[in-house]
């Protein structure tokens, strides 16, 4: 093994820095920070816009037809209870028993059932 002597190396710096590196460093760093802030702002704006579009779409899909009677647009539509009564009146006895058994077995519906 070769002996390594630190005294023979001398005091010369083994690394070099490009000319003007420390003068340009703050300006380059600030430019990168500005670019990152602009990127975050664009991402935030895109997210906000996408959320607004999704909410608008959901509103149109889920609430677009509420309050309208499709057969006669000049009149107000019947209530939800009237629609449910009309639906239930069309079911057979077997279907009614099946629906009752299904909902009676649902834990989330019977959790707070009064005794």
N, C-alpha and C. Protein backbone atom coordinates (compact mmCIF):
# COMPACT_ATOMS: atom_id res chain seq x y z
N UNK A 1 0.83 -1.18 0.00
CA UNK A 1 0.00 0.00 0.00
C UNK A 1 0.88 1.24 0.00
N UNK A 2 0.49 2.22 -0.80
CA UNK A 2 1.28 3.44 -0.95
C UNK A 2 0.98 4.37 0.21
N UNK A 3 2.00 4.99 0.73
CA UNK A 3 1.84 5.95 1.81
C UNK A 3 1.27 7.24 1.25
N UNK A 4 0.35 7.82 1.97
CA UNK A 4 -0.30 9.05 1.55
C UNK A 4 0.16 10.17 2.48
N UNK A 5 0.73 11.19 1.90
CA UNK A 5 1.28 12.28 2.70
C UNK A 5 0.53 13.57 2.35
N UNK A 6 -0.18 14.11 3.34
CA UNK A 6 -0.96 15.33 3.12
C UNK A 6 -0.08 16.56 2.93
N UNK A 7 1.10 16.53 3.42
CA UNK A 7 1.99 17.69 3.31
C UNK A 7 2.39 17.90 1.86
N UNK A 8 2.57 16.84 1.10
CA UNK A 8 2.99 16.96 -0.30
C UNK A 8 1.88 17.51 -1.19
N UNK A 9 0.63 17.40 -0.78
CA UNK A 9 -0.50 17.86 -1.60
C UNK A 9 -0.47 19.38 -1.70
N UNK A 10 -0.23 20.05 -0.64
CA UNK A 10 -0.21 21.51 -0.66
C UNK A 10 -1.58 22.06 -0.29
N UNK A 11 -1.74 23.35 -0.47
CA UNK A 11 -2.98 24.02 -0.07
C UNK A 11 -3.79 24.51 -1.27
N UNK A 12 -3.69 23.84 -2.34
CA UNK A 12 -4.44 24.22 -3.54
C UNK A 12 -5.85 23.66 -3.44
N UNK A 13 -6.85 24.47 -3.80
CA UNK A 13 -8.26 24.07 -3.76
C UNK A 13 -8.54 23.12 -4.93
N UNK A 14 -9.09 21.92 -4.67
CA UNK A 14 -9.31 20.97 -5.75
C UNK A 14 -10.57 21.28 -6.57
N UNK A 15 -11.42 22.19 -6.14
CA UNK A 15 -12.67 22.50 -6.83
C UNK A 15 -12.61 23.88 -7.44
N UNK A 16 -13.34 24.06 -8.54
CA UNK A 16 -13.38 25.37 -9.19
C UNK A 16 -14.83 25.81 -9.34
N UNK A 17 -15.04 27.10 -9.23
CA UNK A 17 -16.37 27.69 -9.36
C UNK A 17 -16.35 28.51 -10.65
N UNK A 18 -17.41 28.40 -11.47
CA UNK A 18 -17.46 29.19 -12.70
C UNK A 18 -17.37 30.69 -12.39
N UNK A 19 -16.86 31.42 -13.33
CA UNK A 19 -16.67 32.86 -13.17
C UNK A 19 -18.03 33.55 -12.99
N UNK A 20 -18.17 34.36 -11.96
CA UNK A 20 -19.39 35.12 -11.68
C UNK A 20 -20.52 34.30 -11.08
N UNK A 21 -20.22 33.08 -10.61
CA UNK A 21 -21.26 32.20 -10.07
C UNK A 21 -21.98 32.83 -8.89
N UNK A 22 -21.24 33.35 -7.94
CA UNK A 22 -21.86 33.90 -6.73
C UNK A 22 -22.57 35.23 -6.99
N UNK A 23 -22.20 35.95 -8.03
CA UNK A 23 -22.90 37.19 -8.38
C UNK A 23 -24.24 36.87 -9.05
N UNK A 24 -24.29 35.82 -9.84
CA UNK A 24 -25.51 35.45 -10.56
C UNK A 24 -26.45 34.57 -9.74
N UNK A 25 -25.95 33.97 -8.70
CA UNK A 25 -26.74 33.01 -7.92
C UNK A 25 -28.05 33.58 -7.37
N UNK A 26 -28.05 34.74 -6.72
CA UNK A 26 -29.33 35.27 -6.19
C UNK A 26 -30.37 35.52 -7.29
N UNK A 27 -29.93 36.05 -8.43
CA UNK A 27 -30.86 36.33 -9.52
C UNK A 27 -31.44 35.03 -10.09
N UNK A 28 -30.60 34.03 -10.26
CA UNK A 28 -31.09 32.74 -10.77
C UNK A 28 -32.04 32.08 -9.78
N UNK A 29 -31.73 32.17 -8.49
CA UNK A 29 -32.59 31.57 -7.48
C UNK A 29 -33.95 32.27 -7.43
N UNK A 30 -33.97 33.59 -7.49
CA UNK A 30 -35.23 34.33 -7.48
C UNK A 30 -36.08 34.00 -8.71
N UNK A 31 -35.44 33.81 -9.85
CA UNK A 31 -36.16 33.44 -11.07
C UNK A 31 -36.80 32.06 -10.92
N UNK A 32 -36.11 31.12 -10.31
CA UNK A 32 -36.67 29.80 -10.08
C UNK A 32 -37.85 29.87 -9.10
N UNK A 33 -37.73 30.71 -8.08
CA UNK A 33 -38.81 30.86 -7.11
C UNK A 33 -40.04 31.46 -7.79
N UNK A 34 -39.84 32.49 -8.63
CA UNK A 34 -40.96 33.08 -9.36
C UNK A 34 -41.64 32.06 -10.28
N UNK A 35 -40.84 31.26 -10.95
CA UNK A 35 -41.40 30.24 -11.85
C UNK A 35 -42.21 29.21 -11.06
N UNK A 36 -41.71 28.80 -9.90
CA UNK A 36 -42.44 27.83 -9.08
C UNK A 36 -43.74 28.42 -8.55
N UNK A 37 -43.71 29.68 -8.13
CA UNK A 37 -44.93 30.33 -7.66
C UNK A 37 -45.96 30.44 -8.78
N UNK A 38 -45.50 30.79 -9.97
CA UNK A 38 -46.42 30.89 -11.12
C UNK A 38 -47.02 29.53 -11.44
N UNK A 39 -46.21 28.48 -11.37
CA UNK A 39 -46.69 27.12 -11.64
C UNK A 39 -47.74 26.72 -10.61
N UNK A 40 -47.49 27.05 -9.34
CA UNK A 40 -48.47 26.73 -8.29
C UNK A 40 -49.75 27.51 -8.49
N UNK A 41 -49.63 28.78 -8.88
CA UNK A 41 -50.81 29.61 -9.11
C UNK A 41 -51.65 29.05 -10.26
N UNK A 42 -50.99 28.63 -11.32
CA UNK A 42 -51.71 28.03 -12.46
C UNK A 42 -52.39 26.73 -12.05
N UNK A 43 -51.67 25.91 -11.28
CA UNK A 43 -52.25 24.64 -10.82
C UNK A 43 -53.45 24.90 -9.92
N UNK A 44 -53.35 25.88 -9.03
CA UNK A 44 -54.46 26.23 -8.14
C UNK A 44 -55.65 26.73 -8.96
N UNK A 45 -55.39 27.59 -9.92
CA UNK A 45 -56.46 28.11 -10.78
C UNK A 45 -57.12 27.00 -11.58
N UNK A 46 -56.31 26.08 -12.10
CA UNK A 46 -56.88 24.96 -12.85
C UNK A 46 -57.74 24.09 -11.94
N UNK A 47 -57.26 23.81 -10.73
CA UNK A 47 -58.03 22.99 -9.78
C UNK A 47 -59.35 23.67 -9.42
N UNK A 48 -59.29 24.96 -9.18
CA UNK A 48 -60.50 25.71 -8.83
C UNK A 48 -61.49 25.71 -10.00
N UNK A 49 -60.98 25.91 -11.20
CA UNK A 49 -61.84 25.90 -12.37
C UNK A 49 -62.46 24.53 -12.62
N UNK A 50 -61.66 23.46 -12.46
CA UNK A 50 -62.17 22.11 -12.66
C UNK A 50 -63.24 21.78 -11.61
N UNK A 51 -63.03 22.24 -10.39
CA UNK A 51 -64.02 22.00 -9.34
C UNK A 51 -65.32 22.73 -9.66
N UNK A 52 -65.21 23.96 -10.13
CA UNK A 52 -66.41 24.73 -10.47
C UNK A 52 -67.17 24.07 -11.63
N UNK A 53 -66.45 23.60 -12.62
CA UNK A 53 -67.10 22.92 -13.76
C UNK A 53 -67.77 21.63 -13.29
N UNK A 54 -67.09 20.86 -12.43
CA UNK A 54 -67.67 19.62 -11.93
C UNK A 54 -68.93 19.90 -11.10
N UNK A 55 -68.89 20.95 -10.28
CA UNK A 55 -70.07 21.30 -9.48
C UNK A 55 -71.22 21.75 -10.38
N UNK A 56 -70.92 22.53 -11.38
CA UNK A 56 -71.95 22.97 -12.32
C UNK A 56 -72.55 21.78 -13.07
N UNK A 57 -71.69 20.88 -13.52
CA UNK A 57 -72.16 19.68 -14.22
C UNK A 57 -73.04 18.84 -13.31
N UNK A 58 -72.60 18.62 -12.06
CA UNK A 58 -73.40 17.84 -11.12
C UNK A 58 -74.74 18.52 -10.84
N UNK A 59 -74.74 19.84 -10.73
CA UNK A 59 -75.98 20.56 -10.51
C UNK A 59 -76.95 20.40 -11.66
N UNK A 60 -76.43 20.48 -12.86
CA UNK A 60 -77.30 20.33 -14.03
C UNK A 60 -77.82 18.91 -14.13
N UNK A 61 -76.95 17.93 -13.88
CA UNK A 61 -77.37 16.53 -14.00
C UNK A 61 -78.38 16.16 -12.91
N UNK A 62 -78.08 16.52 -11.66
CA UNK A 62 -78.92 16.07 -10.56
C UNK A 62 -80.11 16.98 -10.28
N UNK A 63 -79.98 18.26 -10.52
CA UNK A 63 -81.04 19.19 -10.16
C UNK A 63 -81.64 19.91 -11.36
N UNK A 64 -81.20 19.57 -12.55
CA UNK A 64 -81.67 20.26 -13.75
C UNK A 64 -83.14 20.08 -14.03
N UNK A 65 -83.70 18.91 -13.73
CA UNK A 65 -85.09 18.65 -14.03
C UNK A 65 -86.03 18.83 -12.86
N UNK A 66 -85.50 19.20 -11.71
CA UNK A 66 -86.37 19.33 -10.54
C UNK A 66 -87.30 20.53 -10.68
N UNK A 67 -88.52 20.36 -10.27
CA UNK A 67 -89.49 21.45 -10.31
C UNK A 67 -90.15 21.63 -11.66
N UNK A 68 -89.86 20.72 -12.58
CA UNK A 68 -90.47 20.82 -13.91
C UNK A 68 -91.31 19.59 -14.19
N UNK A 69 -92.40 19.81 -14.79
CA UNK A 69 -93.25 18.71 -15.24
C UNK A 69 -92.96 18.53 -16.72
N UNK A 70 -92.43 17.36 -17.09
CA UNK A 70 -92.02 17.16 -18.49
C UNK A 70 -93.22 17.08 -19.43
N UNK A 71 -94.36 16.63 -18.93
CA UNK A 71 -95.53 16.53 -19.80
C UNK A 71 -96.19 17.89 -20.00
N UNK A 72 -96.21 18.70 -18.95
CA UNK A 72 -96.82 20.02 -19.04
C UNK A 72 -95.88 21.03 -18.38
N UNK A 73 -94.98 21.65 -19.13
CA UNK A 73 -93.98 22.52 -18.54
C UNK A 73 -94.55 23.78 -17.89
N UNK A 74 -95.80 24.11 -18.15
CA UNK A 74 -96.38 25.32 -17.58
C UNK A 74 -96.82 25.12 -16.12
N UNK A 75 -96.94 23.88 -15.68
CA UNK A 75 -97.38 23.62 -14.32
C UNK A 75 -96.21 23.15 -13.47
N UNK A 76 -96.33 23.30 -12.17
CA UNK A 76 -95.32 22.79 -11.26
C UNK A 76 -95.45 21.28 -11.18
N UNK A 77 -94.34 20.61 -10.97
CA UNK A 77 -94.39 19.15 -10.90
C UNK A 77 -94.97 18.69 -9.57
N UNK A 78 -95.40 17.45 -9.55
CA UNK A 78 -95.97 16.88 -8.34
C UNK A 78 -94.85 16.65 -7.33
N UNK A 79 -95.22 16.51 -6.07
CA UNK A 79 -94.22 16.36 -5.02
C UNK A 79 -93.57 14.98 -5.08
N UNK A 80 -92.47 14.85 -4.37
CA UNK A 80 -91.75 13.59 -4.32
C UNK A 80 -92.61 12.50 -3.70
N UNK A 81 -93.37 12.84 -2.67
CA UNK A 81 -94.24 11.87 -2.02
C UNK A 81 -95.29 11.35 -3.00
N UNK A 82 -95.83 12.23 -3.82
CA UNK A 82 -96.82 11.80 -4.82
C UNK A 82 -96.18 10.85 -5.84
N UNK A 83 -94.96 11.14 -6.23
CA UNK A 83 -94.26 10.26 -7.17
C UNK A 83 -94.00 8.90 -6.54
N UNK A 84 -93.59 8.89 -5.27
CA UNK A 84 -93.34 7.63 -4.58
C UNK A 84 -94.63 6.83 -4.43
N UNK A 85 -95.73 7.50 -4.10
CA UNK A 85 -97.01 6.81 -3.98
C UNK A 85 -97.42 6.19 -5.31
N UNK A 86 -97.19 6.90 -6.40
CA UNK A 86 -97.52 6.38 -7.73
C UNK A 86 -96.65 5.17 -8.05
N UNK A 87 -95.37 5.22 -7.68
CA UNK A 87 -94.46 4.10 -7.92
C UNK A 87 -94.87 2.88 -7.10
N UNK A 88 -95.16 3.09 -5.82
CA UNK A 88 -95.51 1.98 -4.93
C UNK A 88 -96.84 1.35 -5.35
N UNK A 89 -97.76 2.16 -5.85
CA UNK A 89 -99.05 1.60 -6.26
C UNK A 89 -98.91 0.67 -7.47
N UNK A 90 -97.83 0.78 -8.22
CA UNK A 90 -97.61 -0.07 -9.38
C UNK A 90 -96.96 -1.41 -9.02
N UNK A 91 -96.42 -1.54 -7.79
CA UNK A 91 -95.73 -2.76 -7.39
C UNK A 91 -96.72 -3.84 -6.99
N UNK A 92 -96.33 -5.09 -7.26
CA UNK A 92 -97.17 -6.23 -6.84
C UNK A 92 -96.92 -6.49 -5.36
N UNK A 93 -97.74 -7.36 -4.77
CA UNK A 93 -97.59 -7.69 -3.35
C UNK A 93 -96.24 -8.34 -3.08
N UNK A 94 -95.80 -9.22 -3.98
CA UNK A 94 -94.50 -9.88 -3.81
C UNK A 94 -93.36 -8.86 -3.84
N UNK A 95 -93.45 -7.90 -4.75
CA UNK A 95 -92.42 -6.87 -4.84
C UNK A 95 -92.41 -5.98 -3.59
N UNK A 96 -93.59 -5.70 -3.06
CA UNK A 96 -93.67 -4.89 -1.83
C UNK A 96 -93.04 -5.63 -0.65
N UNK A 97 -93.30 -6.93 -0.54
CA UNK A 97 -92.71 -7.72 0.54
C UNK A 97 -91.20 -7.77 0.37
N UNK A 98 -90.75 -7.95 -0.85
CA UNK A 98 -89.31 -7.98 -1.13
C UNK A 98 -88.64 -6.65 -0.75
N UNK A 99 -89.27 -5.53 -1.13
CA UNK A 99 -88.74 -4.22 -0.77
C UNK A 99 -88.72 -4.03 0.75
N UNK A 100 -89.78 -4.45 1.43
CA UNK A 100 -89.84 -4.32 2.88
C UNK A 100 -88.73 -5.13 3.54
N UNK A 101 -88.55 -6.38 3.10
CA UNK A 101 -87.51 -7.23 3.67
C UNK A 101 -86.12 -6.65 3.42
N UNK A 102 -85.92 -6.09 2.25
CA UNK A 102 -84.63 -5.49 1.91
C UNK A 102 -84.32 -4.32 2.84
N UNK A 103 -85.27 -3.43 3.01
CA UNK A 103 -85.03 -2.25 3.84
C UNK A 103 -85.05 -2.58 5.33
N UNK A 104 -85.78 -3.61 5.74
CA UNK A 104 -85.79 -4.02 7.14
C UNK A 104 -84.44 -4.62 7.54
N UNK A 105 -83.75 -5.24 6.60
CA UNK A 105 -82.45 -5.86 6.88
C UNK A 105 -81.31 -4.85 6.80
N UNK A 106 -81.56 -3.66 6.31
CA UNK A 106 -80.51 -2.64 6.17
C UNK A 106 -80.18 -2.04 7.53
N UNK A 107 -78.95 -2.25 7.98
CA UNK A 107 -78.53 -1.80 9.31
C UNK A 107 -78.57 -0.28 9.41
N UNK A 108 -78.22 0.40 8.36
CA UNK A 108 -78.16 1.86 8.43
C UNK A 108 -79.55 2.47 8.57
N UNK A 109 -80.58 1.79 8.09
CA UNK A 109 -81.93 2.31 8.20
C UNK A 109 -82.59 1.95 9.52
N UNK A 110 -82.21 0.80 10.09
CA UNK A 110 -82.83 0.33 11.33
C UNK A 110 -82.00 0.65 12.55
N UNK A 111 -80.90 1.35 12.39
CA UNK A 111 -80.00 1.64 13.52
C UNK A 111 -80.68 2.47 14.59
N UNK A 112 -81.47 3.44 14.20
CA UNK A 112 -82.12 4.35 15.16
C UNK A 112 -83.63 4.10 15.24
N UNK A 113 -84.02 2.91 14.94
CA UNK A 113 -85.44 2.58 14.93
C UNK A 113 -86.02 2.66 16.34
N UNK A 114 -87.15 3.31 16.45
CA UNK A 114 -87.81 3.43 17.76
C UNK A 114 -88.51 2.12 18.10
N UNK A 115 -88.48 1.77 19.37
CA UNK A 115 -89.10 0.51 19.80
C UNK A 115 -90.49 0.72 20.30
